[in-house]
Amino acid sequence: MRAELVRGGGGIFDVVVDGEKIFSKHEEGRFPEEDEIVAAIRARGA
C-alpha cells in the first residue's frame, strides 16, 4: 500500500488508496471522522 499527499485547491479532500477513492469531502459534504480513513483501509483488506 502506498500513501502520497497531492496538493490541490478549492477545498477538495479526497483519499485514494491504490487507485481507489475511499473518501471524498466533496461527495460526503464533510471531513472524515477520527479513524474513519483507517477503518476504510482496513475494511478493504489492505
C-alpha atoms as a PDB file:
ATOM      1  CA  MET A   1       0.000   0.000   0.000  1.00  0.00           C
ATOM      2  CA  ARG A   2       1.260   3.476  -0.838  1.00  0.00           C
ATOM      3  CA  ALA A   3       0.307   6.869   0.594  1.00  0.00           C
ATOM      4  CA  GLU A   4       1.015  10.167  -1.111  1.00  0.00           C
ATOM      5  CA  LEU A   5      -0.088  13.756  -0.485  1.00  0.00           C
ATOM      6  CA  VAL A   6      -1.223  15.513  -3.641  1.00  0.00           C
ATOM      7  CA  ARG A   7      -1.830  19.201  -3.119  1.00  0.00           C
ATOM      8  CA  GLY A   8      -4.946  20.618  -4.696  1.00  0.00           C
ATOM      9  CA  GLY A   9      -7.176  23.595  -4.416  1.00  0.00           C
ATOM     10  CA  GLY A  10     -10.772  24.589  -3.994  1.00  0.00           C
ATOM     11  CA  GLY A  11     -11.342  22.666  -0.768  1.00  0.00           C
ATOM     12  CA  ILE A  12     -11.016  19.230  -2.403  1.00  0.00           C
ATOM     13  CA  PHE A  13     -10.064  16.483   0.061  1.00  0.00           C
ATOM     14  CA  ASP A  14     -10.036  13.002  -1.483  1.00  0.00           C
ATOM     15  CA  VAL A  15      -8.353   9.922  -0.060  1.00  0.00           C
ATOM     16  CA  VAL A  16      -7.234   7.396  -2.681  1.00  0.00           C
ATOM     17  CA  VAL A  17      -5.654   4.038  -1.833  1.00  0.00           C
ATOM     18  CA  ASP A  18      -4.028   2.005  -4.604  1.00  0.00           C
ATOM     19  CA  GLY A  19      -6.018   3.943  -7.204  1.00  0.00           C
ATOM     20  CA  GLU A  20      -9.393   3.541  -5.444  1.00  0.00           C
ATOM     21  CA  LYS A  21     -11.130   6.558  -3.890  1.00  0.00           C
ATOM     22  CA  ILE A  22     -12.147   5.658  -0.333  1.00  0.00           C
ATOM     23  CA  PHE A  23     -13.280   9.102   0.821  1.00  0.00           C
ATOM     24  CA  SER A  24     -14.257  12.386  -0.825  1.00  0.00           C
ATOM     25  CA  LYS A  25     -15.048  15.513   1.177  1.00  0.00           C
ATOM     26  CA  HIS A  26     -16.847  16.874  -1.875  1.00  0.00           C
ATOM     27  CA  GLU A  27     -19.112  13.819  -2.200  1.00  0.00           C
ATOM     28  CA  GLU A  28     -19.734  13.430   1.563  1.00  0.00           C
ATOM     29  CA  GLY A  29     -20.020  17.160   2.295  1.00  0.00           C
ATOM     30  CA  ARG A  30     -17.760  16.827   5.353  1.00  0.00           C
ATOM     31  CA  PHE A  31     -14.295  15.888   6.558  1.00  0.00           C
ATOM     32  CA  PRO A  32     -13.840  12.284   7.719  1.00  0.00           C
ATOM     33  CA  GLU A  33     -14.398  11.412  11.357  1.00  0.00           C
ATOM     34  CA  GLU A  34     -11.451  10.397  13.524  1.00  0.00           C
ATOM     35  CA  ASP A  35     -10.197   6.933  12.447  1.00  0.00           C
ATOM     36  CA  GLU A  36     -12.698   6.756   9.545  1.00  0.00           C
ATOM     37  CA  ILE A  37      -9.956   6.582   6.913  1.00  0.00           C
ATOM     38  CA  VAL A  38      -8.027   3.895   8.804  1.00  0.00           C
ATOM     39  CA  ALA A  39     -11.235   1.864   9.167  1.00  0.00           C
ATOM     40  CA  ALA A  40     -11.972   2.192   5.432  1.00  0.00           C
ATOM     41  CA  ILE A  41      -8.468   0.994   4.564  1.00  0.00           C
ATOM     42  CA  ARG A  42      -8.763  -1.981   6.898  1.00  0.00           C
ATOM     43  CA  ALA A  43     -12.228  -2.845   5.517  1.00  0.00           C
ATOM     44  CA  ARG A  44     -10.824  -3.224   2.017  1.00  0.00           C
ATOM     45  CA  GLY A  45      -8.251  -5.709   3.275  1.00  0.00           C
ATOM     46  CA  ALA A  46      -5.185  -3.542   2.743  1.00  0.00           C
END
